[in-house]
């Protein structure tokens, strides 16, 4: 029975516009995401950006905003800060919530 519901859900998602379907999929996946997996994805994103920016003057650094992950409802309130880092200095930053984070 559970597989049938899952199949029906996937059929509905496939009929949605691409951006909406992608968002629904991301939200569904984040429902089962553990905090440790989330931190692992942040670290993985930093590894990827470091490799892409290898040999360049600047790169991006992603961090969990201090204090935004201390609640039992961390999936709702957590913020990921994206900072543009130049050699030996920080130039700009922006933060994203969990729903926007996987889109990076």
PDB file of N, CA and C in Angstrom:
ATOM      1  N   UNK A   1       0.819  -1.195   0.000  1.00  0.00           N
ATOM      2  CA  UNK A   1       0.000   0.000   0.000  1.00  0.00           C
ATOM      3  C   UNK A   1       0.863   1.259   0.000  1.00  0.00           C
ATOM      4  N   UNK A   2       1.929   1.273   0.822  1.00  0.00           N
ATOM      5  CA  UNK A   2       2.813   2.437   0.877  1.00  0.00           C
ATOM      6  C   UNK A   2       3.485   2.704  -0.446  1.00  0.00           C
ATOM      7  N   UNK A   3       3.883   1.642  -1.154  1.00  0.00           N
ATOM      8  CA  UNK A   3       4.517   1.796  -2.468  1.00  0.00           C
ATOM      9  C   UNK A   3       3.545   2.415  -3.463  1.00  0.00           C
ATOM     10  N   UNK A   4       2.262   2.030  -3.385  1.00  0.00           N
ATOM     11  CA  UNK A   4       1.252   2.571  -4.297  1.00  0.00           C
ATOM     12  C   UNK A   4       1.086   4.077  -4.079  1.00  0.00           C
ATOM     13  N   UNK A   5       1.062   4.502  -2.817  1.00  0.00           N
ATOM     14  CA  UNK A   5       0.946   5.930  -2.516  1.00  0.00           C
ATOM     15  C   UNK A   5       2.181   6.662  -3.022  1.00  0.00           C
ATOM     16  N   UNK A   6       3.353   6.084  -2.817  1.00  0.00           N
ATOM     17  CA  UNK A   6       4.593   6.688  -3.290  1.00  0.00           C
ATOM     18  C   UNK A   6       4.590   6.826  -4.810  1.00  0.00           C
ATOM     19  N   UNK A   7       4.130   5.789  -5.510  1.00  0.00           N
ATOM     20  CA  UNK A   7       4.049   5.844  -6.971  1.00  0.00           C
ATOM     21  C   UNK A   7       3.083   6.925  -7.435  1.00  0.00           C
ATOM     22  N   UNK A   8       1.948   7.040  -6.755  1.00  0.00           N
ATOM     23  CA  UNK A   8       0.959   8.060  -7.109  1.00  0.00           C
ATOM     24  C   UNK A   8       1.531   9.456  -6.870  1.00  0.00           C
ATOM     25  N   UNK A   9       2.234   9.624  -5.772  1.00  0.00           N
ATOM     26  CA  UNK A   9       2.858  10.917  -5.462  1.00  0.00           C
ATOM     27  C   UNK A   9       3.850  11.296  -6.554  1.00  0.00           C
ATOM     28  N   UNK A  10       4.663  10.340  -6.977  1.00  0.00           N
ATOM     29  CA  UNK A  10       5.652  10.611  -8.025  1.00  0.00           C
ATOM     30  C   UNK A  10       4.976  10.992  -9.335  1.00  0.00           C
ATOM     31  N   UNK A  11       3.838  10.352  -9.661  1.00  0.00           N
ATOM     32  CA  UNK A  11       3.102  10.698 -10.885  1.00  0.00           C
ATOM     33  C   UNK A  11       2.613  12.144 -10.826  1.00  0.00           C
ATOM     34  N   UNK A  12       2.105  12.544  -9.661  1.00  0.00           N
ATOM     35  CA  UNK A  12       1.626  13.922  -9.494  1.00  0.00           C
ATOM     36  C   UNK A  12       2.793  14.893  -9.615  1.00  0.00           C
ATOM     37  N   UNK A  13       3.921  14.593  -8.969  1.00  0.00           N
ATOM     38  CA  UNK A  13       5.086  15.471  -9.026  1.00  0.00           C
ATOM     39  C   UNK A  13       5.580  15.614 -10.458  1.00  0.00           C
ATOM     40  N   UNK A  14       5.562  14.538 -11.228  1.00  0.00           N
ATOM     41  CA  UNK A  14       6.025  14.584 -12.614  1.00  0.00           C
ATOM     42  C   UNK A  14       5.161  15.486 -13.493  1.00  0.00           C
ATOM     43  N   UNK A  15       3.923  15.730 -13.095  1.00  0.00           N
ATOM     44  CA  UNK A  15       3.025  16.585 -13.880  1.00  0.00           C
ATOM     45  C   UNK A  15       3.147  18.066 -13.515  1.00  0.00           C
ATOM     46  N   UNK A  16       3.866  18.360 -12.436  1.00  0.00           N
ATOM     47  CA  UNK A  16       4.036  19.752 -12.010  1.00  0.00           C
ATOM     48  C   UNK A  16       5.082  20.456 -12.876  1.00  0.00           C
ATOM     49  N   UNK A  17       5.021  21.796 -12.941  1.00  0.00           N
ATOM     50  CA  UNK A  17       6.092  22.528 -13.623  1.00  0.00           C
ATOM     51  C   UNK A  17       7.437  22.172 -12.997  1.00  0.00           C
ATOM     52  N   UNK A  18       8.500  22.221 -13.771  1.00  0.00           N
ATOM     53  CA  UNK A  18       9.822  21.749 -13.339  1.00  0.00           C
ATOM     54  C   UNK A  18      10.301  22.374 -12.026  1.00  0.00           C
ATOM     55  N   UNK A  19      10.197  23.693 -11.898  1.00  0.00           N
ATOM     56  CA  UNK A  19      10.685  24.358 -10.683  1.00  0.00           C
ATOM     57  C   UNK A  19       9.884  23.935  -9.454  1.00  0.00           C
ATOM     58  N   UNK A  20       8.582  23.798  -9.608  1.00  0.00           N
ATOM     59  CA  UNK A  20       7.737  23.391  -8.486  1.00  0.00           C
ATOM     60  C   UNK A  20       8.051  21.946  -8.107  1.00  0.00           C
ATOM     61  N   UNK A  21       8.195  21.089  -9.103  1.00  0.00           N
ATOM     62  CA  UNK A  21       8.514  19.680  -8.849  1.00  0.00           C
ATOM     63  C   UNK A  21       9.851  19.551  -8.125  1.00  0.00           C
ATOM     64  N   UNK A  22      10.819  20.338  -8.534  1.00  0.00           N
ATOM     65  CA  UNK A  22      12.141  20.298  -7.889  1.00  0.00           C
ATOM     66  C   UNK A  22      12.030  20.720  -6.432  1.00  0.00           C
ATOM     67  N   UNK A  23      11.246  21.766  -6.174  1.00  0.00           N
ATOM     68  CA  UNK A  23      11.069  22.248  -4.806  1.00  0.00           C
ATOM     69  C   UNK A  23      10.362  21.193  -3.949  1.00  0.00           C
ATOM     70  N   UNK A  24       9.323  20.568  -4.486  1.00  0.00           N
ATOM     71  CA  UNK A  24       8.597  19.529  -3.753  1.00  0.00           C
ATOM     72  C   UNK A  24       9.541  18.379  -3.409  1.00  0.00           C
ATOM     73  N   UNK A  25      10.355  17.978  -4.356  1.00  0.00           N
ATOM     74  CA  UNK A  25      11.307  16.896  -4.125  1.00  0.00           C
ATOM     75  C   UNK A  25      12.309  17.272  -3.039  1.00  0.00           C
ATOM     76  N   UNK A  26      12.814  18.502  -3.085  1.00  0.00           N
ATOM     77  CA  UNK A  26      13.769  18.961  -2.070  1.00  0.00           C
ATOM     78  C   UNK A  26      13.146  18.986  -0.678  1.00  0.00           C
ATOM     79  N   UNK A  27      11.913  19.450  -0.585  1.00  0.00           N
ATOM     80  CA  UNK A  27      11.230  19.504   0.707  1.00  0.00           C
ATOM     81  C   UNK A  27      10.996  18.093   1.228  1.00  0.00           C
ATOM     82  N   UNK A  28      10.602  17.186   0.330  1.00  0.00           N
ATOM     83  CA  UNK A  28      10.355  15.797   0.730  1.00  0.00           C
ATOM     84  C   UNK A  28      11.643  15.143   1.234  1.00  0.00           C
ATOM     85  N   UNK A  29      12.751  15.386   0.548  1.00  0.00           N
ATOM     86  CA  UNK A  29      14.029  14.817   0.962  1.00  0.00           C
ATOM     87  C   UNK A  29      14.518  15.408   2.282  1.00  0.00           C
ATOM     88  N   UNK A  30      14.270  16.690   2.504  1.00  0.00           N
ATOM     89  CA  UNK A  30      14.737  17.315   3.742  1.00  0.00           C
ATOM     90  C   UNK A  30      13.965  16.819   4.953  1.00  0.00           C
ATOM     91  N   UNK A  31      12.799  16.229   4.747  1.00  0.00           N
ATOM     92  CA  UNK A  31      12.016  15.694   5.855  1.00  0.00           C
ATOM     93  C   UNK A  31      12.721  14.573   6.581  1.00  0.00           C
ATOM     94  N   UNK A  32      13.518  13.784   5.873  1.00  0.00           N
ATOM     95  CA  UNK A  32      14.215  12.661   6.502  1.00  0.00           C
ATOM     96  C   UNK A  32      15.688  12.966   6.761  1.00  0.00           C
ATOM     97  N   UNK A  33      16.105  14.174   6.492  1.00  0.00           N
ATOM     98  CA  UNK A  33      17.500  14.570   6.669  1.00  0.00           C
ATOM     99  C   UNK A  33      17.834  14.697   8.151  1.00  0.00           C
ATOM    100  N   UNK A  34      18.895  14.023   8.583  1.00  0.00           N
ATOM    101  CA  UNK A  34      19.345  14.173   9.967  1.00  0.00           C
ATOM    102  C   UNK A  34      20.279  15.379  10.059  1.00  0.00           C
ATOM    103  N   UNK A  35      20.499  15.837  11.280  1.00  0.00           N
ATOM    104  CA  UNK A  35      21.384  16.989  11.474  1.00  0.00           C
ATOM    105  C   UNK A  35      22.802  16.665  11.011  1.00  0.00           C
ATOM    106  N   UNK A  36      23.264  15.455  11.296  1.00  0.00           N
ATOM    107  CA  UNK A  36      24.608  15.049  10.889  1.00  0.00           C
ATOM    108  C   UNK A  36      24.727  15.010   9.362  1.00  0.00           C
ATOM    109  N   UNK A  37      23.686  14.523   8.680  1.00  0.00           N
ATOM    110  CA  UNK A  37      23.690  14.508   7.210  1.00  0.00           C
ATOM    111  C   UNK A  37      23.708  15.926   6.663  1.00  0.00           C
ATOM    112  N   UNK A  38      22.961  16.812   7.303  1.00  0.00           N
ATOM    113  CA  UNK A  38      22.930  18.213   6.889  1.00  0.00           C
ATOM    114  C   UNK A  38      24.320  18.837   6.997  1.00  0.00           C
ATOM    115  N   UNK A  39      24.994  18.626   8.140  1.00  0.00           N
ATOM    116  CA  UNK A  39      26.347  19.162   8.308  1.00  0.00           C
ATOM    117  C   UNK A  39      27.296  18.546   7.283  1.00  0.00           C
ATOM    118  N   UNK A  40      27.098  17.269   6.973  1.00  0.00           N
ATOM    119  CA  UNK A  40      27.908  16.612   5.952  1.00  0.00           C
ATOM    120  C   UNK A  40      27.718  17.240   4.588  1.00  0.00           C
ATOM    121  N   UNK A  41      26.484  17.631   4.274  1.00  0.00           N
ATOM    122  CA  UNK A  41      26.220  18.277   2.983  1.00  0.00           C
ATOM    123  C   UNK A  41      26.840  19.668   2.916  1.00  0.00           C
ATOM    124  N   UNK A  42      26.841  20.370   4.036  1.00  0.00           N
ATOM    125  CA  UNK A  42      27.509  21.682   4.081  1.00  0.00           C
ATOM    126  C   UNK A  42      29.003  21.494   3.847  1.00  0.00           C
ATOM    127  N   UNK A  43      29.592  20.509   4.507  1.00  0.00           N
ATOM    128  CA  UNK A  43      31.022  20.230   4.330  1.00  0.00           C
ATOM    129  C   UNK A  43      31.325  19.797   2.894  1.00  0.00           C
ATOM    130  N   UNK A  44      30.452  18.973   2.331  1.00  0.00           N
ATOM    131  CA  UNK A  44      30.632  18.530   0.941  1.00  0.00           C
ATOM    132  C   UNK A  44      30.559  19.714  -0.018  1.00  0.00           C
ATOM    133  N   UNK A  45      29.633  20.619   0.235  1.00  0.00           N
ATOM    134  CA  UNK A  45      29.524  21.818  -0.603  1.00  0.00           C
ATOM    135  C   UNK A  45      30.795  22.656  -0.514  1.00  0.00           C
ATOM    136  N   UNK A  46      31.381  22.779   0.673  1.00  0.00           N
ATOM    137  CA  UNK A  46      32.642  23.499   0.827  1.00  0.00           C
ATOM    138  C   UNK A  46      33.773  22.813   0.072  1.00  0.00           C
ATOM    139  N   UNK A  47      33.805  21.474   0.104  1.00  0.00           N
ATOM    140  CA  UNK A  47      34.828  20.735  -0.643  1.00  0.00           C
ATOM    141  C   UNK A  47      34.709  20.988  -2.142  1.00  0.00           C
ATOM    142  N   UNK A  48      33.471  20.953  -2.644  1.00  0.00           N
ATOM    143  CA  UNK A  48      33.243  21.170  -4.078  1.00  0.00           C
ATOM    144  C   UNK A  48      33.642  22.583  -4.484  1.00  0.00           C
ATOM    145  N   UNK A  49      33.222  23.580  -3.706  1.00  0.00           N
ATOM    146  CA  UNK A  49      33.562  24.963  -4.072  1.00  0.00           C
ATOM    147  C   UNK A  49      35.065  25.207  -3.976  1.00  0.00           C
ATOM    148  N   UNK A  50      35.730  24.555  -3.031  1.00  0.00           N
ATOM    149  CA  UNK A  50      37.186  24.707  -2.911  1.00  0.00           C
ATOM    150  C   UNK A  50      37.887  24.109  -4.133  1.00  0.00           C
ATOM    151  N   UNK A  51      37.405  22.964  -4.608  1.00  0.00           N
ATOM    152  CA  UNK A  51      38.007  22.340  -5.791  1.00  0.00           C
ATOM    153  C   UNK A  51      37.772  23.175  -7.042  1.00  0.00           C
ATOM    154  N   UNK A  52      36.550  23.706  -7.162  1.00  0.00           N
ATOM    155  CA  UNK A  52      36.218  24.534  -8.329  1.00  0.00           C
ATOM    156  C   UNK A  52      37.050  25.813  -8.332  1.00  0.00           C
ATOM    157  N   UNK A  53      37.273  26.386  -7.170  1.00  0.00           N
ATOM    158  CA  UNK A  53      37.997  27.649  -7.062  1.00  0.00           C
ATOM    159  C   UNK A  53      39.496  27.465  -6.899  1.00  0.00           C
ATOM    160  N   UNK A  54      39.971  26.247  -6.974  1.00  0.00           N
ATOM    161  CA  UNK A  54      41.387  25.974  -6.778  1.00  0.00           C
ATOM    162  C   UNK A  54      42.247  26.858  -7.691  1.00  0.00           C
ATOM    163  N   UNK A  55      43.189  27.572  -7.086  1.00  0.00           N
ATOM    164  CA  UNK A  55      44.086  28.439  -7.842  1.00  0.00           C
ATOM    165  C   UNK A  55      43.516  29.817  -8.131  1.00  0.00           C
ATOM    166  N   UNK A  56      42.294  30.075  -7.687  1.00  0.00           N
ATOM    167  CA  UNK A  56      41.689  31.385  -7.928  1.00  0.00           C
ATOM    168  C   UNK A  56      41.828  32.252  -6.674  1.00  0.00           C
ATOM    169  N   UNK A  57      41.653  33.548  -6.870  1.00  0.00           N
ATOM    170  CA  UNK A  57      41.825  34.506  -5.777  1.00  0.00           C
ATOM    171  C   UNK A  57      40.718  34.414  -4.736  1.00  0.00           C
ATOM    172  N   UNK A  58      39.484  34.025  -5.137  1.00  0.00           N
ATOM    173  CA  UNK A  58      38.386  33.985  -4.178  1.00  0.00           C
ATOM    174  C   UNK A  58      37.563  32.704  -4.342  1.00  0.00           C
ATOM    175  N   UNK A  59      36.852  32.351  -3.278  1.00  0.00           N
ATOM    176  CA  UNK A  59      35.966  31.195  -3.297  1.00  0.00           C
ATOM    177  C   UNK A  59      34.840  31.418  -2.288  1.00  0.00           C
ATOM    178  N   UNK A  60      33.867  30.500  -2.272  1.00  0.00           N
ATOM    179  CA  UNK A  60      32.739  30.601  -1.361  1.00  0.00           C
ATOM    180  C   UNK A  60      32.934  29.647  -0.188  1.00  0.00           C
ATOM    181  N   UNK A  61      32.496  30.083   0.984  1.00  0.00           N
ATOM    182  CA  UNK A  61      32.561  29.269   2.190  1.00  0.00           C
ATOM    183  C   UNK A  61      31.159  29.228   2.794  1.00  0.00           C
ATOM    184  N   UNK A  62      30.659  28.026   3.047  1.00  0.00           N
ATOM    185  CA  UNK A  62      29.324  27.841   3.611  1.00  0.00           C
ATOM    186  C   UNK A  62      29.450  27.387   5.059  1.00  0.00           C
ATOM    187  N   UNK A  63      28.665  28.025   5.956  1.00  0.00           N
ATOM    188  CA  UNK A  63      28.673  27.701   7.380  1.00  0.00           C
ATOM    189  C   UNK A  63      27.262  27.808   7.930  1.00  0.00           C
ATOM    190  N   UNK A  64      26.985  27.026   8.957  1.00  0.00           N
ATOM    191  CA  UNK A  64      25.713  27.161   9.653  1.00  0.00           C
ATOM    192  C   UNK A  64      25.809  28.410  10.523  1.00  0.00           C
ATOM    193  N   UNK A  65      24.820  29.289  10.398  1.00  0.00           N
ATOM    194  CA  UNK A  65      24.824  30.521  11.187  1.00  0.00           C
ATOM    195  C   UNK A  65      24.744  30.158  12.665  1.00  0.00           C
ATOM    196  N   UNK A  66      25.680  30.650  13.470  1.00  0.00           N
ATOM    197  CA  UNK A  66      25.689  30.311  14.899  1.00  0.00           C
ATOM    198  C   UNK A  66      24.348  30.622  15.565  1.00  0.00           C
ATOM    199  N   UNK A  67      23.867  29.654  16.341  1.00  0.00           N
ATOM    200  CA  UNK A  67      22.619  29.821  17.074  1.00  0.00           C
ATOM    201  C   UNK A  67      21.370  29.475  16.287  1.00  0.00           C
ATOM    202  N   UNK A  68      21.472  29.389  14.966  1.00  0.00           N
ATOM    203  CA  UNK A  68      20.275  29.112  14.164  1.00  0.00           C
ATOM    204  C   UNK A  68      19.908  27.633  14.162  1.00  0.00           C
ATOM    205  N   UNK A  69      20.787  26.783  14.682  1.00  0.00           N
ATOM    206  CA  UNK A  69      20.548  25.344  14.680  1.00  0.00           C
ATOM    207  C   UNK A  69      20.356  24.771  16.079  1.00  0.00           C
ATOM    208  N   UNK A  70      20.133  25.628  17.067  1.00  0.00           N
ATOM    209  CA  UNK A  70      20.074  25.159  18.452  1.00  0.00           C
ATOM    210  C   UNK A  70      18.676  24.715  18.880  1.00  0.00           C
ATOM    211  N   UNK A  71      17.674  24.967  18.070  1.00  0.00           N
ATOM    212  CA  UNK A  71      16.303  24.613  18.409  1.00  0.00           C
ATOM    213  C   UNK A  71      15.997  23.166  18.025  1.00  0.00           C
ATOM    214  N   UNK A  72      15.024  22.583  18.692  1.00  0.00           N
ATOM    215  CA  UNK A  72      14.552  21.245  18.309  1.00  0.00           C
ATOM    216  C   UNK A  72      13.929  21.299  16.907  1.00  0.00           C
ATOM    217  N   UNK A  73      13.530  22.480  16.483  1.00  0.00           N
ATOM    218  CA  UNK A  73      12.939  22.684  15.161  1.00  0.00           C
ATOM    219  C   UNK A  73      13.979  23.243  14.192  1.00  0.00           C
ATOM    220  N   UNK A  74      15.210  22.730  14.250  1.00  0.00           N
ATOM    221  CA  UNK A  74      16.315  23.268  13.467  1.00  0.00           C
ATOM    222  C   UNK A  74      16.028  23.280  11.976  1.00  0.00           C
ATOM    223  N   UNK A  75      15.235  22.325  11.472  1.00  0.00           N
ATOM    224  CA  UNK A  75      14.960  22.274  10.035  1.00  0.00           C
ATOM    225  C   UNK A  75      14.175  23.495   9.566  1.00  0.00           C
ATOM    226  N   UNK A  76      13.455  24.106  10.477  1.00  0.00           N
ATOM    227  CA  UNK A  76      12.648  25.280  10.131  1.00  0.00           C
ATOM    228  C   UNK A  76      13.457  26.562  10.276  1.00  0.00           C
ATOM    229  N   UNK A  77      14.347  26.625  11.267  1.00  0.00           N
ATOM    230  CA  UNK A  77      15.014  27.889  11.588  1.00  0.00           C
ATOM    231  C   UNK A  77      16.485  27.966  11.187  1.00  0.00           C
ATOM    232  N   UNK A  78      17.087  26.852  10.799  1.00  0.00           N
ATOM    233  CA  UNK A  78      18.516  26.872  10.486  1.00  0.00           C
ATOM    234  C   UNK A  78      18.806  27.790   9.298  1.00  0.00           C
ATOM    235  N   UNK A  79      19.930  28.480   9.378  1.00  0.00           N
ATOM    236  CA  UNK A  79      20.363  29.373   8.300  1.00  0.00           C
ATOM    237  C   UNK A  79      21.782  28.971   7.900  1.00  0.00           C
ATOM    238  N   UNK A  80      22.021  28.932   6.599  1.00  0.00           N
ATOM    239  CA  UNK A  80      23.357  28.652   6.084  1.00  0.00           C
ATOM    240  C   UNK A  80      23.904  29.959   5.529  1.00  0.00           C
ATOM    241  N   UNK A  81      25.041  30.361   6.046  1.00  0.00           N
ATOM    242  CA  UNK A  81      25.671  31.610   5.620  1.00  0.00           C
ATOM    243  C   UNK A  81      26.676  31.282   4.521  1.00  0.00           C
ATOM    244  N   UNK A  82      26.571  32.007   3.419  1.00  0.00           N
ATOM    245  CA  UNK A  82      27.508  31.869   2.310  1.00  0.00           C
ATOM    246  C   UNK A  82      28.384  33.116   2.298  1.00  0.00           C
ATOM    247  N   UNK A  83      29.679  32.911   2.458  1.00  0.00           N
ATOM    248  CA  UNK A  83      30.613  34.025   2.515  1.00  0.00           C
ATOM    249  C   UNK A  83      31.592  33.939   1.358  1.00  0.00           C
ATOM    250  N   UNK A  84      31.775  35.071   0.671  1.00  0.00           N
ATOM    251  CA  UNK A  84      32.777  35.137  -0.388  1.00  0.00           C
ATOM    252  C   UNK A  84      34.109  35.462   0.275  1.00  0.00           C
ATOM    253  N   UNK A  85      35.070  34.582   0.105  1.00  0.00           N
ATOM    254  CA  UNK A  85      36.361  34.730   0.772  1.00  0.00           C
ATOM    255  C   UNK A  85      37.438  34.979  -0.273  1.00  0.00           C
ATOM    256  N   UNK A  86      38.206  36.024  -0.045  1.00  0.00           N
ATOM    257  CA  UNK A  86      39.384  36.294  -0.877  1.00  0.00           C
ATOM    258  C   UNK A  86      40.600  35.835  -0.084  1.00  0.00           C
ATOM    259  N   UNK A  87      41.698  35.678  -0.746  1.00  0.00           N
ATOM    260  CA  UNK A  87      42.903  35.310  -0.022  1.00  0.00           C
ATOM    261  C   UNK A  87      43.121  36.311   1.104  1.00  0.00           C
ATOM    262  N   UNK A  88      43.100  35.814   2.326  1.00  0.00           N
ATOM    263  CA  UNK A  88      43.389  36.577   3.537  1.00  0.00           C
ATOM    264  C   UNK A  88      42.333  37.612   3.928  1.00  0.00           C
ATOM    265  N   UNK A  89      41.132  37.617   3.321  1.00  0.00           N
ATOM    266  CA  UNK A  89      40.082  38.537   3.762  1.00  0.00           C
ATOM    267  C   UNK A  89      38.701  37.997   3.402  1.00  0.00           C
ATOM    268  N   UNK A  90      37.673  38.514   4.061  1.00  0.00           N
ATOM    269  CA  UNK A  90      36.288  38.161   3.789  1.00  0.00           C
ATOM    270  C   UNK A  90      35.635  39.345   3.106  1.00  0.00           C
ATOM    271  N   UNK A  91      34.860  39.097   2.017  1.00  0.00           N
ATOM    272  CA  UNK A  91      34.305  40.236   1.302  1.00  0.00           C
ATOM    273  C   UNK A  91      32.795  40.397   1.408  1.00  0.00           C
ATOM    274  N   UNK A  92      31.998  39.324   1.410  1.00  0.00           N
ATOM    275  CA  UNK A  92      30.547  39.468   1.461  1.00  0.00           C
ATOM    276  C   UNK A  92      29.917  38.169   1.927  1.00  0.00           C
ATOM    277  N   UNK A  93      28.697  38.259   2.490  1.00  0.00           N
ATOM    278  CA  UNK A  93      28.017  37.034   2.906  1.00  0.00           C
ATOM    279  C   UNK A  93      26.513  37.169   2.745  1.00  0.00           C
ATOM    280  N   UNK A  94      25.828  36.025   2.721  1.00  0.00           N
ATOM    281  CA  UNK A  94      24.381  35.951   2.595  1.00  0.00           C
ATOM    282  C   UNK A  94      23.943  34.679   3.307  1.00  0.00           C
ATOM    283  N   UNK A  95      22.719  34.635   3.817  1.00  0.00           N
ATOM    284  CA  UNK A  95      22.268  33.413   4.485  1.00  0.00           C
ATOM    285  C   UNK A  95      21.021  32.872   3.812  1.00  0.00           C
ATOM    286  N   UNK A  96      20.878  31.550   3.873  1.00  0.00           N
ATOM    287  CA  UNK A  96      19.746  30.846   3.268  1.00  0.00           C
ATOM    288  C   UNK A  96      19.162  29.884   4.292  1.00  0.00           C
ATOM    289  N   UNK A  97      17.844  29.665   4.225  1.00  0.00           N
ATOM    290  CA  UNK A  97      17.197  28.677   5.074  1.00  0.00           C
ATOM    291  C   UNK A  97      17.342  27.294   4.470  1.00  0.00           C
ATOM    292  N   UNK A  98      16.925  26.270   5.186  1.00  0.00           N
ATOM    293  CA  UNK A  98      17.057  24.898   4.720  1.00  0.00           C
ATOM    294  C   UNK A  98      16.371  24.655   3.382  1.00  0.00           C
ATOM    295  N   UNK A  99      15.167  25.184   3.125  1.00  0.00           N
ATOM    296  CA  UNK A  99      14.554  24.935   1.821  1.00  0.00           C
ATOM    297  C   UNK A  99      15.363  25.488   0.635  1.00  0.00           C
ATOM    298  N   UNK A 100      16.085  26.595   0.828  1.00  0.00           N
ATOM    299  CA  UNK A 100      16.869  27.175  -0.254  1.00  0.00           C
ATOM    300  C   UNK A 100      18.253  26.541  -0.359  1.00  0.00           C
ATOM    301  N   UNK A 101      18.761  25.970   0.719  1.00  0.00           N
ATOM    302  CA  UNK A 101      20.113  25.460   0.756  1.00  0.00           C
ATOM    303  C   UNK A 101      20.394  24.393  -0.315  1.00  0.00           C
ATOM    304  N   UNK A 102      19.556  23.382  -0.500  1.00  0.00           N
ATOM    305  CA  UNK A 102      19.874  22.357  -1.498  1.00  0.00           C
ATOM    306  C   UNK A 102      19.956  22.884  -2.926  1.00  0.00           C
ATOM    307  N   UNK A 103      19.407  24.045  -3.176  1.00  0.00           N
ATOM    308  CA  UNK A 103      19.414  24.616  -4.516  1.00  0.00           C
ATOM    309  C   UNK A 103      20.772  25.178  -4.899  1.00  0.00           C
ATOM    310  N   UNK A 104      21.679  25.271  -3.940  1.00  0.00           N
ATOM    311  CA  UNK A 104      23.001  25.865  -4.214  1.00  0.00           C
ATOM    312  C   UNK A 104      23.865  24.987  -5.043  1.00  0.00           C
TER     313      UNK A 104
END
